[in-house]
Amino acid sequence: MTELVRCHRQQRPARPPQTRGPHVRGNRLRPSGPSWPVYEFAESDYCYGIGPIRLRLERVNWSQPIPHEGDYWLGVRGVVIDRYGREGAVREMLVRAACIPVPPAAKRPRLRVLRSSTSV
């Protein structure tokens, strides 16, 4: 099940995003980062389409904002989700930067100091 978060809301989803399965990095098994929920973008918030669109974002190019129509836009890649919640084609498009929420930061485990049982 996915959450639908509209662009005009500037709140985070109530539930934390679901995580995908583990992956291997540097010969170590590590859990992957959280997956993006489903977002709906109005016709005025993305380029070259008609009507609102629902996407589950896969990648956002944060490093290269594109000035277009007096605003900044970001290149995104995502899977189109229809109104019944089924996945469709993968699509790349420009989306208004103000409408893309920042994903939650990956938290590192807190380091704990090990104390010895004997005092010196």
Protein backbone atom coordinates (compact mmCIF):
# COMPACT_ATOMS: atom_id res chain seq x y z
CA MET A 1 0.00 0.00 0.00
CA THR A 2 1.28 3.45 -0.82
CA GLU A 3 0.58 6.89 0.51
CA LEU A 4 -0.61 9.66 -1.73
CA VAL A 5 0.95 12.99 -0.85
CA ARG A 6 -0.13 16.05 -2.81
CA CYS A 7 2.31 18.72 -3.87
CA HIS A 8 0.56 21.63 -2.16
CA ARG A 9 1.07 20.03 1.25
CA GLN A 10 4.40 20.84 2.81
CA GLN A 11 4.08 18.17 5.51
CA ARG A 12 5.86 14.86 5.77
CA PRO A 13 3.81 11.68 5.47
CA ALA A 14 2.40 10.39 8.75
CA ARG A 15 4.02 6.97 8.36
CA PRO A 16 7.73 6.50 7.68
CA PRO A 17 8.47 5.29 4.14
CA GLN A 18 8.75 1.56 3.68
CA THR A 19 12.22 0.18 3.16
CA ARG A 20 13.27 -2.09 0.35
CA GLY A 21 15.23 -5.29 0.78
CA PRO A 22 18.92 -5.37 1.77
CA HIS A 23 21.75 -4.85 -0.70
CA VAL A 24 25.51 -5.40 -0.75
CA ARG A 25 27.92 -2.45 -0.65
CA GLY A 26 31.65 -2.83 -0.05
CA ASN A 27 31.29 -6.60 0.53
CA ARG A 28 28.88 -5.91 3.39
CA LEU A 29 25.18 -6.54 3.56
CA ARG A 30 23.41 -3.26 4.28
CA PRO A 31 19.76 -2.29 4.39
CA SER A 32 18.77 0.01 1.57
CA GLY A 33 17.34 3.48 2.11
CA PRO A 34 13.66 4.25 2.41
CA SER A 35 11.59 4.14 -0.76
CA TRP A 36 9.69 7.21 -1.85
CA PRO A 37 5.93 7.29 -1.36
CA VAL A 38 3.60 8.13 -4.25
CA TYR A 39 3.24 11.84 -5.05
CA GLU A 40 0.66 13.58 -7.18
CA PHE A 41 1.77 16.56 -9.25
CA ALA A 42 -0.67 19.01 -10.81
CA GLU A 43 -0.41 19.83 -14.51
CA SER A 44 1.18 23.19 -13.68
CA ASP A 45 3.89 21.51 -11.54
CA TYR A 46 5.48 19.33 -14.23
CA CYS A 47 6.47 19.90 -17.83
CA TYR A 48 5.03 18.39 -20.97
CA GLY A 49 1.93 16.56 -19.83
CA ILE A 50 -1.83 16.96 -19.60
CA GLY A 51 -3.68 16.61 -16.30
CA PRO A 52 -2.36 15.59 -12.88
CA ILE A 53 0.10 12.69 -12.64
CA ARG A 54 0.93 10.27 -9.84
CA LEU A 55 4.54 9.14 -9.56
CA ARG A 56 6.61 7.00 -7.24
CA LEU A 57 9.93 8.80 -7.53
CA GLU A 58 13.03 6.73 -8.14
CA ARG A 59 15.62 9.41 -8.73
CA VAL A 60 15.81 13.20 -8.41
CA ASN A 61 18.71 15.14 -9.93
CA TRP A 62 19.27 17.58 -7.07
CA SER A 63 22.65 18.74 -8.41
CA GLN A 64 21.38 20.37 -11.62
CA PRO A 65 18.36 22.65 -11.12
CA ILE A 66 17.05 23.98 -14.43
CA PRO A 67 15.66 27.53 -14.68
CA HIS A 68 12.41 27.40 -16.69
CA GLU A 69 9.45 29.82 -16.79
CA GLY A 70 10.91 31.95 -13.98
CA ASP A 71 11.22 29.05 -11.52
CA TYR A 72 13.63 26.19 -10.82
CA TRP A 73 12.82 22.69 -12.02
CA LEU A 74 14.48 19.33 -11.31
CA GLY A 75 14.83 16.31 -13.56
CA VAL A 76 13.10 13.30 -12.01
CA ARG A 77 12.65 9.67 -12.92
CA GLY A 78 9.68 7.77 -11.58
CA VAL A 79 7.10 5.08 -12.11
CA VAL A 80 3.64 6.26 -13.14
CA ILE A 81 0.91 5.00 -10.79
CA ASP A 82 -2.66 4.86 -12.12
CA ARG A 83 -5.75 5.70 -10.08
CA TYR A 84 -6.12 2.06 -9.01
CA GLY A 85 -2.60 1.93 -7.56
CA ARG A 86 -1.04 -0.15 -10.35
CA GLU A 87 2.44 0.62 -11.62
CA GLY A 88 2.83 1.77 -15.20
CA ALA A 89 5.65 3.03 -17.38
CA VAL A 90 8.87 4.61 -16.15
CA ARG A 91 8.92 8.30 -17.04
CA GLU A 92 11.51 11.07 -16.91
CA MET A 93 10.31 14.66 -16.68
CA LEU A 94 10.90 18.10 -15.19
CA VAL A 95 9.08 18.85 -11.93
CA ARG A 96 8.93 22.18 -10.12
CA ALA A 97 11.61 22.10 -7.39
CA ALA A 98 9.27 23.57 -4.76
CA CYS A 99 6.92 20.58 -5.14
CA ILE A 100 9.46 17.82 -4.53
CA PRO A 101 9.76 17.03 -0.83
CA VAL A 102 13.21 16.32 0.55
CA PRO A 103 13.59 12.63 1.43
CA PRO A 104 14.27 11.77 5.07
CA ALA A 105 17.95 11.63 5.93
CA ALA A 106 19.47 8.22 6.46
CA LYS A 107 20.26 7.98 10.14
CA ARG A 108 23.54 6.49 11.23
CA PRO A 109 23.63 4.25 14.27
CA ARG A 110 24.68 6.02 17.43
CA LEU A 111 28.14 5.07 18.59
CA ARG A 112 28.34 3.91 22.16
CA VAL A 113 31.41 3.89 24.34
CA LEU A 114 32.19 0.48 25.73
CA ARG A 115 33.09 0.69 29.40
CA SER A 116 35.24 -1.90 30.98
CA SER A 117 34.09 -3.49 34.20
CA THR A 118 37.36 -2.70 35.96
CA SER A 119 38.35 0.84 36.89
CA VAL A 120 41.88 2.00 36.56
